[in-house]
Structures are given as structure tokens and as C-alpha cells.
Amino acid sequence: MDEAARAAARAEATYQAAMRAAEDALARADFDGADARFAEALAAKPGDAKAGEGATRAKDARAEAARAAAAREKARFDAEAKVEAERRGQEEAARRAAAAGSVSIGGLTFKGKNAQGYEEYRHDQTGIVLVLLLAGKFQMGSPESEEERDSDSRSTR
């Protein structure tokens, strides 16, 4: 085999290996790897239609993956915004009930503010008193200085 034939055989082997690696990378959604391997295949066989089509498929798959990721991010953002809007609506309803006096909203009747300044509501059916805590941090439990505090009672944030 002469030098030209050996060079052609090496180019074909490089092309075949690059095409297999490119397809494997594309199947794993490794778009950078697929791009690099398709470029190797095109370098081994300039103008090859199969390698060119593969490079186009990799580009299209990358764009589709980006669109899907953007759609997932938008859905996550929309869900968070909906939860936030509902929370704001509940807080606003509680404020309106407080301003109106004893109006019952969702089975809760405003009682007034407790000693700590938090709004309290009475559940109409059970009589249980609930305290409205807005989003953020709050302390729960009894302080260590409290008299008659149970030994297993801890203050937590």
C-alpha cells in the first residue's frame, strides 16, 4: 500500500471514529463534544454530507435543549409567582378582615393583635386561635428565662 492509500485509510478511520464519538456525545446531550467530533469528521472528510448533517442535528438539539430548559425555568418561576400572589392575597384578605372588624374570611374571624403585636384569628368551627406570621424568620418556643419552663422545651428559629 502506498503512502496516499495509507493516508486515505487513516483519514477514513479517523472519520469513522469521530462520527461514532459524535453520535455518542449527541445521545448524551454533550453538545460541545458532539460539535468537536463532527468537526473532526469534517476535517477528515471535508464537505462530507453525513458529518455536516450531524453537525446541524447537534446544533438543533442544543437549541431545543435550551428552549426546554427555558420553559422549565419559566414554569418554575410562574409557580413561585403564583404561590407568592396567593400568599399576598391571603395577607390582604386578613388585613381587610381586620379593618372590617369581625368579618369572617375563609372560616377565620379577626380577634385583634396579641401582646407581641401579631394579628390573631379565631377558627369559626373549632375556636382555635391562630396567629398570622408573615414570611420570614420568627422565634418559636419558650425562652430559657421563662419560669416553670419544661426541661425539654427549647427556643428555635
C-alpha atoms as a PDB file:
ATOM      1  CA  MET A   1       0.000   0.000   0.000  1.00  0.00           C
ATOM      2  CA  ASP A   2       1.448   3.342  -0.993  1.00  0.00           C
ATOM      3  CA  GLU A   3       1.569   6.454   1.203  1.00  0.00           C
ATOM      4  CA  ALA A   4      -1.558   8.012  -0.357  1.00  0.00           C
ATOM      5  CA  ALA A   5      -3.576   4.872   0.313  1.00  0.00           C
ATOM      6  CA  ARG A   6      -2.338   4.730   3.916  1.00  0.00           C
ATOM      7  CA  ALA A   7      -3.242   8.406   4.403  1.00  0.00           C
ATOM      8  CA  ALA A   8      -6.705   7.773   2.947  1.00  0.00           C
ATOM      9  CA  ALA A   9      -7.170   4.769   5.253  1.00  0.00           C
ATOM     10  CA  ARG A  10      -6.100   6.832   8.278  1.00  0.00           C
ATOM     11  CA  ALA A  11      -8.485   9.612   7.272  1.00  0.00           C
ATOM     12  CA  GLU A  12     -11.336   7.087   6.893  1.00  0.00           C
ATOM     13  CA  ALA A  13     -10.567   5.518  10.308  1.00  0.00           C
ATOM     14  CA  THR A  14     -10.415   8.982  11.889  1.00  0.00           C
ATOM     15  CA  TYR A  15     -13.691   9.889  10.185  1.00  0.00           C
ATOM     16  CA  GLN A  16     -15.458   6.706  11.343  1.00  0.00           C
ATOM     17  CA  ALA A  17     -14.195   7.042  14.942  1.00  0.00           C
ATOM     18  CA  ALA A  18     -15.141  10.729  15.042  1.00  0.00           C
ATOM     19  CA  MET A  19     -18.641  10.015  13.700  1.00  0.00           C
ATOM     20  CA  ARG A  20     -19.237   7.274  16.312  1.00  0.00           C
ATOM     21  CA  ALA A  21     -17.951   9.530  19.091  1.00  0.00           C
ATOM     22  CA  ALA A  22     -20.064  12.434  17.805  1.00  0.00           C
ATOM     23  CA  GLU A  23     -23.248  10.333  17.750  1.00  0.00           C
ATOM     24  CA  ASP A  24     -22.497   9.010  21.252  1.00  0.00           C
ATOM     25  CA  ALA A  25     -21.904  12.546  22.529  1.00  0.00           C
ATOM     26  CA  LEU A  26     -25.120  13.733  20.910  1.00  0.00           C
ATOM     27  CA  ALA A  27     -27.058  10.878  22.536  1.00  0.00           C
ATOM     28  CA  ARG A  28     -25.687  12.025  25.936  1.00  0.00           C
ATOM     29  CA  ALA A  29     -26.637  15.658  25.181  1.00  0.00           C
ATOM     30  CA  ASP A  30     -22.912  16.527  25.260  1.00  0.00           C
ATOM     31  CA  PHE A  31     -23.282  19.185  22.593  1.00  0.00           C
ATOM     32  CA  ASP A  32     -19.743  20.552  22.888  1.00  0.00           C
ATOM     33  CA  GLY A  33     -18.351  17.032  22.481  1.00  0.00           C
ATOM     34  CA  ALA A  34     -20.639  16.343  19.526  1.00  0.00           C
ATOM     35  CA  ASP A  35     -19.602  19.618  17.863  1.00  0.00           C
ATOM     36  CA  ALA A  36     -15.914  18.802  18.325  1.00  0.00           C
ATOM     37  CA  ARG A  37     -16.260  15.225  16.984  1.00  0.00           C
ATOM     38  CA  PHE A  38     -18.334  16.300  13.962  1.00  0.00           C
ATOM     39  CA  ALA A  39     -15.654  18.928  13.257  1.00  0.00           C
ATOM     40  CA  GLU A  40     -13.013  16.147  13.412  1.00  0.00           C
ATOM     41  CA  ALA A  41     -15.074  14.080  10.973  1.00  0.00           C
ATOM     42  CA  LEU A  42     -15.366  17.056   8.620  1.00  0.00           C
ATOM     43  CA  ALA A  43     -11.618  17.659   8.883  1.00  0.00           C
ATOM     44  CA  ALA A  44     -11.010  14.025   7.919  1.00  0.00           C
ATOM     45  CA  LYS A  45     -13.565  14.193   5.058  1.00  0.00           C
ATOM     46  CA  PRO A  46     -14.075  17.853   4.099  1.00  0.00           C
ATOM     47  CA  GLY A  47     -17.577  18.552   2.795  1.00  0.00           C
ATOM     48  CA  ASP A  48     -18.965  15.191   3.932  1.00  0.00           C
ATOM     49  CA  ALA A  49     -22.762  15.437   3.908  1.00  0.00           C
ATOM     50  CA  LYS A  50     -23.278  12.953   6.767  1.00  0.00           C
ATOM     51  CA  ALA A  51     -20.908  14.842   9.082  1.00  0.00           C
ATOM     52  CA  GLY A  52     -22.451  18.163   8.040  1.00  0.00           C
ATOM     53  CA  GLU A  53     -25.961  16.862   8.754  1.00  0.00           C
ATOM     54  CA  GLY A  54     -24.754  15.545  12.118  1.00  0.00           C
ATOM     55  CA  ALA A  55     -23.325  18.949  12.996  1.00  0.00           C
ATOM     56  CA  THR A  56     -26.677  20.534  12.091  1.00  0.00           C
ATOM     57  CA  ARG A  57     -28.548  17.977  14.237  1.00  0.00           C
ATOM     58  CA  ALA A  58     -26.220  18.781  17.153  1.00  0.00           C
ATOM     59  CA  LYS A  59     -26.897  22.499  16.705  1.00  0.00           C
ATOM     60  CA  ASP A  60     -30.664  21.892  16.560  1.00  0.00           C
ATOM     61  CA  ALA A  61     -30.573  19.572  19.597  1.00  0.00           C
ATOM     62  CA  ARG A  62     -28.608  22.186  21.565  1.00  0.00           C
ATOM     63  CA  ALA A  63     -31.215  24.826  20.681  1.00  0.00           C
ATOM     64  CA  GLU A  64     -34.089  22.500  21.636  1.00  0.00           C
ATOM     65  CA  ALA A  65     -32.411  21.668  24.961  1.00  0.00           C
ATOM     66  CA  ALA A  66     -32.005  25.392  25.640  1.00  0.00           C
ATOM     67  CA  ARG A  67     -35.684  26.016  24.810  1.00  0.00           C
ATOM     68  CA  ALA A  68     -36.745  23.147  27.096  1.00  0.00           C
ATOM     69  CA  ALA A  69     -34.555  24.450  29.924  1.00  0.00           C
ATOM     70  CA  ALA A  70     -36.000  27.940  29.459  1.00  0.00           C
ATOM     71  CA  ALA A  71     -39.548  26.513  29.518  1.00  0.00           C
ATOM     72  CA  ARG A  72     -38.790  24.595  32.743  1.00  0.00           C
ATOM     73  CA  GLU A  73     -37.319  27.722  34.316  1.00  0.00           C
ATOM     74  CA  LYS A  74     -40.348  29.780  33.241  1.00  0.00           C
ATOM     75  CA  ALA A  75     -42.718  27.152  34.689  1.00  0.00           C
ATOM     76  CA  ARG A  76     -40.771  27.169  37.978  1.00  0.00           C
ATOM     77  CA  PHE A  77     -40.817  30.973  38.078  1.00  0.00           C
ATOM     78  CA  ASP A  78     -44.552  31.071  37.251  1.00  0.00           C
ATOM     79  CA  ALA A  79     -45.306  28.538  40.024  1.00  0.00           C
ATOM     80  CA  GLU A  80     -43.309  30.564  42.545  1.00  0.00           C
ATOM     81  CA  ALA A  81     -45.027  33.760  41.420  1.00  0.00           C
ATOM     82  CA  LYS A  82     -48.440  32.092  41.810  1.00  0.00           C
ATOM     83  CA  VAL A  83     -47.615  30.957  45.346  1.00  0.00           C
ATOM     84  CA  GLU A  84     -46.372  34.448  46.196  1.00  0.00           C
ATOM     85  CA  ALA A  85     -49.512  36.045  44.730  1.00  0.00           C
ATOM     86  CA  GLU A  86     -51.715  33.671  46.738  1.00  0.00           C
ATOM     87  CA  ARG A  87     -49.768  34.477  49.905  1.00  0.00           C
ATOM     88  CA  ARG A  88     -50.147  38.197  49.259  1.00  0.00           C
ATOM     89  CA  GLY A  89     -53.847  37.715  48.584  1.00  0.00           C
ATOM     90  CA  GLN A  90     -54.298  35.859  51.867  1.00  0.00           C
ATOM     91  CA  GLU A  91     -52.425  38.564  53.749  1.00  0.00           C
ATOM     92  CA  GLU A  92     -54.519  41.259  52.074  1.00  0.00           C
ATOM     93  CA  ALA A  93     -57.748  39.396  52.911  1.00  0.00           C
ATOM     94  CA  ALA A  94     -56.614  39.138  56.528  1.00  0.00           C
ATOM     95  CA  ARG A  95     -55.851  42.875  56.630  1.00  0.00           C
ATOM     96  CA  ARG A  96     -59.257  43.721  55.148  1.00  0.00           C
ATOM     97  CA  ALA A  97     -60.950  41.462  57.696  1.00  0.00           C
ATOM     98  CA  ALA A  98     -59.021  43.167  60.468  1.00  0.00           C
ATOM     99  CA  ALA A  99     -60.048  46.582  59.211  1.00  0.00           C
ATOM    100  CA  ALA A 100     -63.677  45.500  58.907  1.00  0.00           C
ATOM    101  CA  GLY A 101     -63.862  44.198  62.439  1.00  0.00           C
ATOM    102  CA  SER A 102     -65.385  40.763  62.860  1.00  0.00           C
ATOM    103  CA  VAL A 103     -65.736  39.784  59.227  1.00  0.00           C
ATOM    104  CA  SER A 104     -65.026  36.094  58.716  1.00  0.00           C
ATOM    105  CA  ILE A 105     -62.777  35.206  55.804  1.00  0.00           C
ATOM    106  CA  GLY A 106     -62.245  31.554  54.965  1.00  0.00           C
ATOM    107  CA  GLY A 107     -63.638  30.455  58.319  1.00  0.00           C
ATOM    108  CA  LEU A 108     -61.360  32.773  60.321  1.00  0.00           C
ATOM    109  CA  THR A 109     -62.532  35.793  62.303  1.00  0.00           C
ATOM    110  CA  PHE A 110     -60.131  38.552  63.277  1.00  0.00           C
ATOM    111  CA  LYS A 111     -59.724  38.853  67.073  1.00  0.00           C
ATOM    112  CA  GLY A 112     -57.196  41.655  67.295  1.00  0.00           C
ATOM    113  CA  LYS A 113     -53.484  41.907  67.923  1.00  0.00           C
ATOM    114  CA  ASN A 114     -51.769  39.918  70.637  1.00  0.00           C
ATOM    115  CA  ALA A 115     -49.227  41.263  73.166  1.00  0.00           C
ATOM    116  CA  GLN A 116     -46.406  40.777  70.647  1.00  0.00           C
ATOM    117  CA  GLY A 117     -48.280  42.790  68.003  1.00  0.00           C
ATOM    118  CA  TYR A 118     -49.240  39.851  65.778  1.00  0.00           C
ATOM    119  CA  GLU A 119     -52.741  39.562  64.329  1.00  0.00           C
ATOM    120  CA  GLU A 120     -54.832  36.755  65.850  1.00  0.00           C
ATOM    121  CA  TYR A 121     -57.726  34.959  64.184  1.00  0.00           C
ATOM    122  CA  ARG A 122     -60.265  32.533  65.605  1.00  0.00           C
ATOM    123  CA  HIS A 123     -61.230  29.492  63.555  1.00  0.00           C
ATOM    124  CA  ASP A 124     -65.024  29.711  63.395  1.00  0.00           C
ATOM    125  CA  GLN A 125     -65.724  25.973  63.694  1.00  0.00           C
ATOM    126  CA  THR A 126     -63.150  24.903  66.284  1.00  0.00           C
ATOM    127  CA  GLY A 127     -62.476  28.115  68.203  1.00  0.00           C
ATOM    128  CA  ILE A 128     -58.720  27.575  67.850  1.00  0.00           C
ATOM    129  CA  VAL A 129     -56.810  30.865  67.843  1.00  0.00           C
ATOM    130  CA  LEU A 130     -54.254  31.264  65.059  1.00  0.00           C
ATOM    131  CA  VAL A 131     -51.551  33.897  64.763  1.00  0.00           C
ATOM    132  CA  LEU A 132     -50.663  35.383  61.363  1.00  0.00           C
ATOM    133  CA  LEU A 133     -46.907  35.138  60.809  1.00  0.00           C
ATOM    134  CA  LEU A 134     -45.690  36.824  57.658  1.00  0.00           C
ATOM    135  CA  ALA A 135     -42.967  35.280  55.565  1.00  0.00           C
ATOM    136  CA  GLY A 136     -39.526  35.470  57.127  1.00  0.00           C
ATOM    137  CA  LYS A 137     -37.906  34.301  60.343  1.00  0.00           C
ATOM    138  CA  PHE A 138     -39.593  34.004  63.696  1.00  0.00           C
ATOM    139  CA  GLN A 139     -38.748  32.511  67.044  1.00  0.00           C
ATOM    140  CA  MET A 140     -40.823  29.665  68.437  1.00  0.00           C
ATOM    141  CA  GLY A 141     -40.797  28.079  71.886  1.00  0.00           C
ATOM    142  CA  SER A 142     -40.240  29.435  75.350  1.00  0.00           C
ATOM    143  CA  PRO A 143     -37.183  31.467  76.350  1.00  0.00           C
ATOM    144  CA  GLU A 144     -34.726  29.931  78.815  1.00  0.00           C
ATOM    145  CA  SER A 145     -35.568  32.662  81.338  1.00  0.00           C
ATOM    146  CA  GLU A 146     -39.254  31.656  81.499  1.00  0.00           C
ATOM    147  CA  GLU A 147     -40.397  30.425  84.908  1.00  0.00           C
ATOM    148  CA  GLU A 148     -41.865  26.905  85.041  1.00  0.00           C
ATOM    149  CA  ARG A 149     -40.267  26.129  81.673  1.00  0.00           C
ATOM    150  CA  ASP A 150     -40.157  22.408  80.851  1.00  0.00           C
ATOM    151  CA  SER A 151     -36.647  20.967  80.690  1.00  0.00           C
ATOM    152  CA  ASP A 152     -37.226  19.658  77.157  1.00  0.00           C
ATOM    153  CA  SER A 153     -38.559  22.982  75.860  1.00  0.00           C
ATOM    154  CA  ARG A 154     -36.183  24.828  73.549  1.00  0.00           C
ATOM    155  CA  SER A 155     -36.408  28.083  71.713  1.00  0.00           C
ATOM    156  CA  THR A 156     -35.854  27.642  67.960  1.00  0.00           C
ATOM    157  CA  ARG A 157     -35.675  29.870  64.926  1.00  0.00           C
END
